[in-house]
N, C-alpha and C. Protein backbone atom coordinates (compact mmCIF):
# COMPACT_ATOMS: atom_id res chain seq x y z
N MET A 1 21.26 10.38 14.75
CA MET A 1 22.29 9.55 13.93
C MET A 1 21.19 9.06 13.20
N SER A 2 21.73 8.97 11.34
CA SER A 2 20.40 7.89 10.63
C SER A 2 20.94 6.73 10.98
N ILE A 3 20.21 5.76 10.53
CA ILE A 3 20.48 4.52 10.04
C ILE A 3 20.54 4.19 8.50
N LYS A 4 21.21 3.51 8.10
CA LYS A 4 21.54 3.05 6.70
C LYS A 4 20.66 2.22 6.36
N GLU A 5 19.60 2.52 5.46
CA GLU A 5 18.56 1.90 4.60
C GLU A 5 18.97 1.22 3.12
N ILE A 6 18.89 0.26 3.54
CA ILE A 6 19.02 -0.48 1.90
C ILE A 6 17.65 -1.12 1.40
N ASN A 7 17.16 -0.80 0.37
CA ASN A 7 15.73 -1.19 -0.15
C ASN A 7 15.75 -2.32 -1.62
N ILE A 8 15.36 -3.39 -1.59
CA ILE A 8 15.53 -4.76 -2.71
C ILE A 8 14.13 -4.32 -3.20
N LEU A 9 13.84 -3.94 -4.43
CA LEU A 9 13.08 -4.06 -5.07
C LEU A 9 12.68 -5.25 -6.02
N ASN A 10 11.28 -5.63 -5.68
CA ASN A 10 11.04 -6.95 -6.20
C ASN A 10 10.29 -7.05 -6.94
N GLY A 11 9.48 -5.20 -7.63
CA GLY A 11 8.98 -5.63 -8.80
C GLY A 11 7.72 -5.39 -8.25
N ARG A 12 6.46 -5.56 -9.59
CA ARG A 12 5.36 -5.27 -9.12
C ARG A 12 4.67 -6.70 -9.23
N VAL A 13 3.28 -6.79 -8.08
CA VAL A 13 3.06 -7.90 -7.42
C VAL A 13 2.01 -8.30 -8.84
N PHE A 14 1.45 -7.45 -9.89
CA PHE A 14 0.81 -7.65 -11.20
C PHE A 14 1.78 -7.36 -12.10
N PRO A 15 2.72 -8.44 -12.81
CA PRO A 15 3.52 -7.89 -13.89
C PRO A 15 3.10 -7.34 -15.20
N GLU A 16 1.82 -8.06 -15.46
CA GLU A 16 0.72 -7.60 -16.70
C GLU A 16 -0.15 -6.56 -16.30
N PRO A 17 0.03 -5.14 -16.42
CA PRO A 17 -1.03 -4.68 -15.68
C PRO A 17 -2.07 -4.07 -16.63
N PHE A 18 -2.06 -4.99 -17.74
CA PHE A 18 -3.42 -3.82 -19.13
C PHE A 18 -4.54 -4.26 -18.24
N ARG A 19 -4.93 -5.31 -17.44
CA ARG A 19 -6.07 -5.26 -17.39
C ARG A 19 -6.45 -4.16 -16.32
N PHE A 20 -5.58 -4.12 -15.28
CA PHE A 20 -5.70 -2.84 -14.50
C PHE A 20 -5.96 -1.25 -15.39
N TYR A 21 -4.98 -1.04 -16.32
CA TYR A 21 -5.72 0.06 -17.12
C TYR A 21 -6.55 -0.39 -18.42
N LEU A 22 -6.71 -1.39 -18.61
CA LEU A 22 -8.40 -1.38 -19.31
C LEU A 22 -9.37 -1.22 -18.15
N LEU A 23 -9.34 -1.71 -17.33
CA LEU A 23 -10.73 -1.21 -15.66
C LEU A 23 -10.34 0.21 -15.75
N ALA A 24 -9.91 0.39 -15.48
CA ALA A 24 -9.27 2.33 -15.48
C ALA A 24 -10.92 2.68 -16.45
N VAL A 25 -10.12 2.33 -17.85
CA VAL A 25 -11.06 3.26 -19.16
C VAL A 25 -12.22 3.02 -18.79
N VAL A 26 -12.84 1.47 -18.95
CA VAL A 26 -13.83 1.28 -18.33
C VAL A 26 -14.79 2.07 -17.71
N VAL A 27 -14.56 2.05 -16.27
CA VAL A 27 -14.46 2.73 -15.14
C VAL A 27 -14.69 4.59 -15.36
N PHE A 28 -13.87 4.86 -15.91
CA PHE A 28 -14.27 6.24 -16.31
C PHE A 28 -15.07 6.64 -17.25
N VAL A 29 -15.16 5.79 -18.60
CA VAL A 29 -16.10 6.03 -19.50
C VAL A 29 -17.33 5.84 -19.03
N ALA A 30 -17.72 4.64 -18.09
CA ALA A 30 -19.15 4.46 -17.78
C ALA A 30 -19.70 5.56 -16.95
N THR A 31 -18.42 6.12 -15.95
CA THR A 31 -18.91 7.49 -15.09
C THR A 31 -19.22 8.45 -16.47
N LEU A 32 -18.74 8.54 -16.79
CA LEU A 32 -18.55 9.73 -18.38
C LEU A 32 -20.31 9.66 -18.53
N PHE A 33 -20.33 8.55 -18.88
CA PHE A 33 -21.43 8.28 -19.72
C PHE A 33 -22.89 8.02 -19.04
N THR A 34 -22.93 7.99 -17.43
CA THR A 34 -24.43 7.43 -16.59
C THR A 34 -24.20 8.64 -15.82
N ARG A 35 -23.00 9.53 -15.69
CA ARG A 35 -23.16 10.90 -15.53
C ARG A 35 -22.78 10.76 -13.87
N GLU A 36 -22.69 9.82 -13.07
CA GLU A 36 -22.84 9.21 -12.11
C GLU A 36 -21.54 9.64 -11.48
N TRP A 37 -20.91 10.47 -10.49
CA TRP A 37 -19.78 11.03 -10.54
C TRP A 37 -18.90 10.41 -9.11
N GLU A 38 -19.97 9.73 -8.74
CA GLU A 38 -19.52 8.89 -7.29
C GLU A 38 -19.03 7.72 -7.52
N ALA A 39 -19.45 7.31 -8.75
CA ALA A 39 -19.10 5.72 -9.49
C ALA A 39 -17.65 6.62 -9.36
N LEU A 40 -16.84 7.64 -9.87
CA LEU A 40 -15.24 7.59 -9.83
C LEU A 40 -13.94 6.88 -8.65
N PHE A 41 -15.00 6.74 -7.48
CA PHE A 41 -14.59 6.26 -6.62
C PHE A 41 -13.93 4.68 -7.05
N PHE A 42 -14.73 4.04 -7.77
CA PHE A 42 -13.89 2.97 -8.16
C PHE A 42 -12.63 2.54 -9.16
N LEU A 43 -12.31 4.37 -9.41
CA LEU A 43 -10.98 3.98 -10.29
C LEU A 43 -9.98 3.78 -9.21
N THR A 44 -10.27 3.58 -7.84
CA THR A 44 -8.88 3.26 -6.54
C THR A 44 -9.06 1.78 -7.32
N VAL A 45 -9.59 0.65 -7.30
CA VAL A 45 -9.61 -0.39 -7.71
C VAL A 45 -7.96 -0.76 -8.53
N PRO A 46 -8.21 -0.03 -10.11
CA PRO A 46 -7.66 -0.45 -10.78
C PRO A 46 -5.99 0.31 -10.52
N PHE A 47 -6.26 1.28 -9.89
CA PHE A 47 -4.63 2.63 -9.35
C PHE A 47 -4.06 1.37 -8.45
N LEU A 48 -4.92 0.54 -7.77
CA LEU A 48 -4.64 -0.19 -6.88
C LEU A 48 -3.22 -1.18 -7.10
N GLY A 49 -4.18 -1.85 -8.16
CA GLY A 49 -3.02 -2.85 -8.92
C GLY A 49 -2.10 -2.89 -9.51
N ILE A 50 -1.93 -1.68 -10.01
CA ILE A 50 -1.09 -0.73 -11.32
C ILE A 50 0.21 0.03 -9.85
N THR A 51 -0.20 0.39 -8.88
CA THR A 51 0.77 0.73 -8.06
C THR A 51 1.57 0.25 -7.20
N ALA A 52 0.47 -1.67 -6.92
CA ALA A 52 1.04 -2.78 -6.11
C ALA A 52 2.45 -2.59 -6.14
N ARG A 53 3.59 -3.07 -5.59
CA ARG A 53 5.13 -3.71 -5.55
C ARG A 53 5.33 -4.28 -4.16
N ARG A 54 6.13 -4.94 -4.24
CA ARG A 54 6.59 -5.95 -3.37
C ARG A 54 8.45 -5.36 -3.35
N GLY A 55 8.84 -5.52 -2.12
CA GLY A 55 10.30 -5.38 -1.85
C GLY A 55 10.73 -5.87 -0.23
N THR A 56 12.10 -5.14 -0.07
CA THR A 56 12.51 -5.62 0.94
C THR A 56 13.31 -4.40 1.90
N GLN A 57 13.32 -3.61 2.88
CA GLN A 57 13.96 -2.90 3.73
C GLN A 57 14.90 -3.43 4.76
N PHE A 58 16.49 -3.04 4.50
CA PHE A 58 17.12 -3.49 5.99
C PHE A 58 17.68 -2.30 6.16
N THR A 59 17.81 -2.84 7.78
CA THR A 59 18.48 -1.29 8.22
C THR A 59 19.45 -2.38 9.58
N SER A 60 20.08 -1.86 10.29
CA SER A 60 21.81 -2.63 10.81
C SER A 60 20.69 -3.36 11.88
N LYS A 61 19.15 -2.77 11.96
CA LYS A 61 19.19 -3.83 13.18
C LYS A 61 17.89 -4.60 12.83
N GLY A 62 17.45 -4.65 11.59
CA GLY A 62 16.02 -5.64 11.10
C GLY A 62 15.98 -5.53 9.94
N TYR A 63 14.92 -6.17 9.37
CA TYR A 63 14.64 -6.16 8.04
C TYR A 63 12.68 -5.77 7.96
N ARG A 64 12.30 -6.04 6.64
CA ARG A 64 11.28 -5.96 6.74
C ARG A 64 10.73 -6.34 5.15
N ARG A 65 9.75 -7.26 4.79
CA ARG A 65 9.17 -7.98 3.62
C ARG A 65 8.34 -6.96 3.57
N TYR A 66 8.06 -6.10 2.47
CA TYR A 66 6.77 -5.36 2.51
C TYR A 66 6.10 -5.33 1.49
N PHE A 67 4.67 -4.76 1.43
CA PHE A 67 3.99 -4.63 -0.12
C PHE A 67 3.41 -3.39 0.49
N SER A 68 3.75 -2.85 -0.90
CA SER A 68 3.78 -1.58 -1.09
C SER A 68 2.51 -0.56 -1.71
N VAL A 69 1.57 0.03 -1.71
CA VAL A 69 0.30 0.08 -2.59
C VAL A 69 0.12 1.83 -2.37
N PHE A 70 0.13 2.53 -3.45
CA PHE A 70 0.41 4.43 -3.65
C PHE A 70 1.07 4.57 -3.31
N GLY A 71 2.77 3.95 -2.76
CA GLY A 71 3.90 4.10 -2.30
C GLY A 71 4.04 4.01 -0.72
N PHE A 72 2.79 3.82 0.23
CA PHE A 72 2.89 3.45 1.69
C PHE A 72 3.16 1.58 1.52
N LYS A 73 3.93 1.72 2.46
CA LYS A 73 4.86 0.46 2.45
C LYS A 73 3.81 -0.40 3.79
N PHE A 74 3.75 -1.45 3.68
CA PHE A 74 2.84 -2.17 4.55
C PHE A 74 3.84 -3.91 5.13
N GLY A 75 3.73 -3.98 6.17
CA GLY A 75 4.53 -5.11 6.77
C GLY A 75 5.48 -4.58 7.90
N ASN A 76 5.91 -6.08 8.35
CA ASN A 76 5.97 -6.56 9.61
C ASN A 76 7.58 -6.42 9.94
N TRP A 77 8.60 -5.60 11.46
CA TRP A 77 9.74 -5.74 11.18
C TRP A 77 10.35 -7.09 11.55
N GLU A 78 11.38 -7.55 11.19
CA GLU A 78 11.65 -8.61 11.77
C GLU A 78 13.54 -9.01 12.20
N SER A 79 13.53 -9.48 13.34
CA SER A 79 14.92 -9.22 13.65
C SER A 79 15.86 -10.35 12.76
N ILE A 80 17.41 -9.75 12.61
CA ILE A 80 18.15 -10.89 12.46
C ILE A 80 18.46 -11.69 13.69
N PHE A 81 18.59 -13.04 13.49
CA PHE A 81 19.39 -13.63 14.42
C PHE A 81 20.44 -14.65 14.37
N ALA A 82 21.09 -14.82 14.98
CA ALA A 82 22.72 -15.45 15.48
C ALA A 82 22.53 -16.47 14.03
N GLY A 83 23.56 -16.98 13.80
CA GLY A 83 23.46 -17.81 12.82
C GLY A 83 22.89 -17.89 11.51
N GLU A 84 22.29 -16.57 10.81
CA GLU A 84 21.31 -16.75 9.73
C GLU A 84 22.27 -16.21 8.57
N GLN A 85 21.94 -16.61 7.62
CA GLN A 85 22.95 -15.96 6.22
C GLN A 85 22.15 -16.00 5.11
N LEU A 86 22.74 -15.36 3.91
CA LEU A 86 22.18 -14.98 2.73
C LEU A 86 22.37 -16.20 2.07
N VAL A 87 21.53 -16.39 1.24
CA VAL A 87 22.05 -17.31 0.10
C VAL A 87 21.19 -16.73 -1.34
N LEU A 88 22.07 -17.15 -2.16
CA LEU A 88 21.61 -16.45 -3.95
C LEU A 88 21.57 -17.82 -4.59
N ILE A 89 20.03 -18.33 -4.83
CA ILE A 89 19.93 -19.25 -5.61
C ILE A 89 19.02 -18.97 -6.89
N GLY A 90 19.57 -19.50 -8.05
CA GLY A 90 18.77 -19.53 -9.66
C GLY A 90 18.20 -20.19 -9.52
N LEU A 91 17.18 -19.82 -10.42
CA LEU A 91 15.41 -20.97 -10.69
C LEU A 91 15.48 -21.09 -11.60
N ASN A 92 15.24 -21.64 -12.32
CA ASN A 92 14.77 -21.81 -14.33
C ASN A 92 13.18 -22.02 -13.75
N MET A 93 12.46 -21.34 -14.46
CA MET A 93 11.23 -20.44 -14.44
C MET A 93 10.32 -20.71 -16.00
N SER A 94 9.39 -21.49 -16.02
CA SER A 94 8.37 -21.82 -17.87
C SER A 94 7.34 -21.50 -17.28
N SER A 95 6.65 -20.66 -18.52
CA SER A 95 5.71 -20.06 -18.19
C SER A 95 5.06 -20.33 -19.58
N ARG A 96 3.83 -21.02 -19.64
CA ARG A 96 3.06 -21.65 -20.62
C ARG A 96 2.15 -20.84 -20.83
N PHE A 97 2.19 -19.70 -22.03
CA PHE A 97 0.82 -19.11 -22.22
C PHE A 97 -0.13 -19.56 -23.40
N GLY A 98 -1.54 -19.83 -23.41
CA GLY A 98 -2.25 -20.62 -23.88
C GLY A 98 -3.59 -20.09 -24.48
N SER A 99 -4.21 -20.75 -24.89
CA SER A 99 -5.68 -20.35 -25.64
C SER A 99 -6.52 -21.60 -25.58
N TYR A 100 -7.41 -21.37 -25.84
CA TYR A 100 -9.06 -22.70 -26.08
C TYR A 100 -8.16 -23.56 -27.13
N GLY A 101 -7.48 -23.01 -28.43
CA GLY A 101 -7.28 -23.18 -29.18
C GLY A 101 -5.91 -24.62 -28.90
N GLY A 102 -5.19 -24.26 -28.16
CA GLY A 102 -3.81 -25.07 -27.45
C GLY A 102 -3.09 -24.18 -27.06
N LEU A 103 -1.33 -24.59 -26.91
CA LEU A 103 -0.53 -23.60 -26.41
C LEU A 103 0.23 -22.67 -27.54
N LEU A 104 0.38 -21.35 -26.86
CA LEU A 104 0.42 -20.69 -27.96
C LEU A 104 2.08 -20.25 -27.93
N ALA A 105 2.66 -20.06 -26.85
CA ALA A 105 4.03 -20.06 -26.42
C ALA A 105 4.28 -20.33 -25.23
N THR A 106 5.64 -20.63 -24.53
CA THR A 106 6.37 -20.99 -23.80
C THR A 106 7.79 -19.81 -23.64
N LYS A 107 7.75 -19.58 -22.12
CA LYS A 107 8.42 -18.73 -21.89
C LYS A 107 9.06 -19.13 -21.24
N GLU A 108 10.79 -19.36 -21.04
CA GLU A 108 12.07 -19.73 -19.94
C GLU A 108 12.50 -18.89 -19.78
N GLN A 109 12.80 -18.18 -18.44
CA GLN A 109 14.04 -17.44 -18.13
C GLN A 109 14.77 -17.75 -16.65
N LYS A 110 15.74 -17.80 -16.43
CA LYS A 110 16.57 -17.82 -14.84
C LYS A 110 16.05 -16.73 -14.61
N VAL A 111 15.36 -16.79 -13.07
CA VAL A 111 14.98 -15.82 -11.86
C VAL A 111 16.27 -15.84 -10.56
N TRP A 112 17.32 -15.47 -10.30
CA TRP A 112 17.65 -15.26 -9.16
C TRP A 112 16.70 -14.73 -7.84
N THR A 113 17.00 -16.06 -6.75
CA THR A 113 16.27 -14.81 -5.81
C THR A 113 17.18 -14.96 -4.49
N LEU A 114 17.36 -14.16 -3.89
CA LEU A 114 18.52 -13.69 -2.55
C LEU A 114 17.35 -14.30 -1.30
N TYR A 115 17.92 -15.11 -0.42
CA TYR A 115 17.05 -15.72 0.93
C TYR A 115 17.92 -15.15 1.76
N ILE A 116 17.07 -15.43 3.20
CA ILE A 116 17.81 -15.85 4.21
C ILE A 116 17.42 -16.90 4.96
N VAL A 117 18.35 -17.47 5.28
CA VAL A 117 18.18 -18.84 6.08
C VAL A 117 19.15 -19.12 7.02
N ASP A 118 18.59 -20.20 7.73
CA ASP A 118 19.02 -20.41 9.28
C ASP A 118 20.50 -21.30 9.15
N ALA A 119 20.66 -21.89 10.08
CA ALA A 119 22.14 -22.49 10.35
C ALA A 119 22.09 -23.72 9.66
N LYS A 120 20.64 -24.28 9.30
CA LYS A 120 21.11 -25.58 8.82
C LYS A 120 19.94 -25.67 7.05
N HIS A 121 20.41 -23.96 6.70
CA HIS A 121 19.34 -24.07 5.15
C HIS A 121 18.61 -24.63 4.99
N ARG A 122 17.63 -24.57 6.04
CA ARG A 122 16.10 -25.12 6.12
C ARG A 122 15.07 -24.36 5.90
N ASN A 123 15.12 -23.12 6.60
CA ASN A 123 13.96 -22.17 6.63
C ASN A 123 14.72 -20.90 5.65
N LYS A 124 14.13 -20.75 4.75
CA LYS A 124 14.36 -20.25 3.47
C LYS A 124 13.71 -18.67 3.64
N ARG A 125 13.76 -17.56 3.87
CA ARG A 125 13.01 -16.52 3.63
C ARG A 125 13.29 -15.50 2.47
N ASP A 126 12.44 -15.83 1.16
CA ASP A 126 12.78 -14.77 0.21
C ASP A 126 12.88 -13.52 0.62
N ILE A 127 13.99 -12.45 0.00
CA ILE A 127 14.02 -11.28 0.31
C ILE A 127 14.57 -10.24 -0.97
N GLY A 128 15.00 -11.06 -2.11
CA GLY A 128 15.19 -10.16 -3.03
C GLY A 128 14.96 -11.55 -4.56
N VAL A 129 14.06 -10.94 -5.59
CA VAL A 129 14.37 -11.47 -6.95
C VAL A 129 14.58 -10.77 -7.58
N SER A 130 15.21 -11.35 -8.76
CA SER A 130 15.72 -10.66 -10.04
C SER A 130 16.22 -11.20 -11.05
N ALA A 131 16.10 -10.60 -12.31
CA ALA A 131 16.46 -11.94 -13.64
C ALA A 131 17.81 -11.53 -13.66
N ASP A 132 18.45 -10.81 -13.17
CA ASP A 132 20.10 -10.48 -13.04
C ASP A 132 21.41 -10.57 -11.74
N LYS A 133 21.72 -11.07 -12.11
CA LYS A 133 22.46 -11.95 -10.77
C LYS A 133 23.34 -10.90 -9.64
N THR A 134 23.89 -9.93 -11.30
CA THR A 134 25.39 -8.58 -10.22
C THR A 134 23.86 -8.05 -9.30
N VAL A 135 22.63 -7.71 -10.14
CA VAL A 135 21.98 -7.05 -9.27
C VAL A 135 21.93 -7.21 -7.59
N LEU A 136 21.63 -8.37 -7.65
CA LEU A 136 21.42 -9.50 -6.09
C LEU A 136 22.66 -9.24 -5.15
N ILE A 137 23.43 -9.78 -6.26
CA ILE A 137 25.28 -9.46 -5.30
C ILE A 137 25.68 -8.28 -4.90
N ASP A 138 25.66 -6.95 -5.83
CA ASP A 138 25.60 -6.16 -5.11
C ASP A 138 24.78 -5.25 -3.97
N LYS A 139 23.39 -5.78 -3.76
CA LYS A 139 22.33 -5.23 -2.81
C LYS A 139 23.10 -6.44 -1.52
N ALA A 140 23.23 -7.54 -2.13
CA ALA A 140 24.17 -8.86 -0.83
C ALA A 140 25.43 -8.19 -0.12
N ALA A 141 26.47 -7.35 -0.67
CA ALA A 141 27.18 -6.73 -0.27
C ALA A 141 27.11 -5.66 0.76
N GLN A 142 25.83 -4.85 0.29
CA GLN A 142 25.60 -3.73 0.79
C GLN A 142 24.97 -4.58 2.33
N ILE A 143 24.11 -5.23 2.26
CA ILE A 143 23.52 -6.20 3.28
C ILE A 143 24.88 -6.25 4.39
N THR A 144 25.99 -7.41 3.52
CA THR A 144 26.96 -7.73 4.31
C THR A 144 27.45 -6.37 5.17
N ALA A 145 27.85 -5.53 4.70
CA ALA A 145 28.66 -4.32 5.15
C ALA A 145 27.64 -3.47 6.53
N SER A 146 26.57 -3.86 6.27
CA SER A 146 25.64 -2.80 7.70
C SER A 146 25.10 -3.92 8.70
N THR A 147 25.18 -5.30 8.11
CA THR A 147 24.32 -6.19 9.29
C THR A 147 25.46 -7.31 9.26
N THR A 148 25.14 -8.56 10.44
CA THR A 148 25.65 -9.56 11.11
C THR A 148 25.79 -10.68 9.68
N LEU A 149 24.82 -10.52 8.77
CA LEU A 149 24.51 -11.48 7.56
C LEU A 149 25.78 -11.32 6.65
N GLU A 150 26.25 -12.81 5.88
CA GLU A 150 26.75 -12.84 4.68
C GLU A 150 26.26 -13.78 4.17
N LEU A 151 26.74 -13.75 2.72
CA LEU A 151 26.72 -14.21 1.67
C LEU A 151 27.41 -15.51 1.35
N VAL A 152 26.59 -17.01 1.41
CA VAL A 152 27.03 -18.05 1.42
C VAL A 152 26.41 -18.90 0.26
N PRO A 153 27.74 -19.90 -0.11
CA PRO A 153 27.02 -20.44 -1.09
C PRO A 153 25.87 -21.68 -0.42
N PHE A 154 24.71 -21.91 -1.30
CA PHE A 154 23.70 -22.62 -0.56
C PHE A 154 24.21 -24.43 -0.26
N SER A 155 24.09 -24.64 0.97
CA SER A 155 24.42 -26.20 1.01
C SER A 155 23.69 -26.85 2.44
N PRO A 156 22.60 -27.19 2.02
CA PRO A 156 21.68 -27.41 3.18
C PRO A 156 22.25 -28.92 3.80
N ALA A 157 21.98 -28.72 5.20
CA ALA A 157 22.30 -30.19 6.36
C ALA A 157 21.53 -30.96 5.66
N ILE A 158 22.05 -32.35 5.62
CA ILE A 158 21.37 -33.37 5.59
C ILE A 158 21.45 -34.51 6.95
N SER A 159 20.39 -34.65 7.40
CA SER A 159 20.65 -35.77 8.95
C SER A 159 21.42 -37.00 8.32
N GLN A 160 21.46 -37.84 9.02
CA GLN A 160 21.98 -39.05 9.13
C GLN A 160 20.84 -39.64 8.40
N GLN A 161 19.63 -39.83 9.04
CA GLN A 161 18.44 -40.40 9.08
C GLN A 161 18.09 -40.02 7.42
N THR A 162 18.29 -39.24 7.06
CA THR A 162 18.07 -38.85 5.51
C THR A 162 18.65 -39.50 4.43
N ARG A 163 20.10 -39.77 5.51
CA ARG A 163 21.00 -40.37 3.95
C ARG A 163 20.78 -41.72 4.70
N ASN A 164 20.41 -42.26 5.39
CA ASN A 164 19.80 -43.72 5.53
C ASN A 164 19.11 -44.33 4.41
N ARG A 165 17.88 -43.20 4.63
CA ARG A 165 16.68 -43.31 3.80
C ARG A 165 16.81 -43.64 2.26
N LYS A 166 17.97 -42.53 1.90
CA LYS A 166 18.15 -42.21 0.58
C LYS A 166 18.67 -43.80 0.44
N ARG A 167 19.58 -44.30 1.00
CA ARG A 167 20.48 -45.55 0.49
C ARG A 167 19.78 -46.83 0.58
N ARG A 168 18.51 -46.80 0.44
CA ARG A 168 17.99 -47.83 0.78
C ARG A 168 17.47 -48.02 -0.70
């Protein structure tokens, strides 16, 4: 009997891979110039950076947040505990690009993150990141169909001690 597997791809670990392509060209040209063919081994370093990915795998028994290099997935399987739920939270991200002369550009975007949370919504573990909300809602529906997790709105439980502290 096969177990249905759901994959959430979180994208590249290094979203700007130009430095790795540049490093690969430098290593290759330097190897050709010096004719030391053993130096081609150093080409694995940029290819590690180019192929590095993150993601999450779900089965009916558990999930694993993995780090993938050359297609090999590394990560521990974790169990789904009773009372855990799925939560989708939108985060406004702002990135500033600059140089020594000053600020060149600012990039703002909304990134949606899918979390597994405990009953009080305090302990969050991110399992999916996307700029498109519908992609994560579809993945959450697939996860809900195959596991005991449910997609709920984010509402952390606030203790009475915290409420009293906020009133002061």
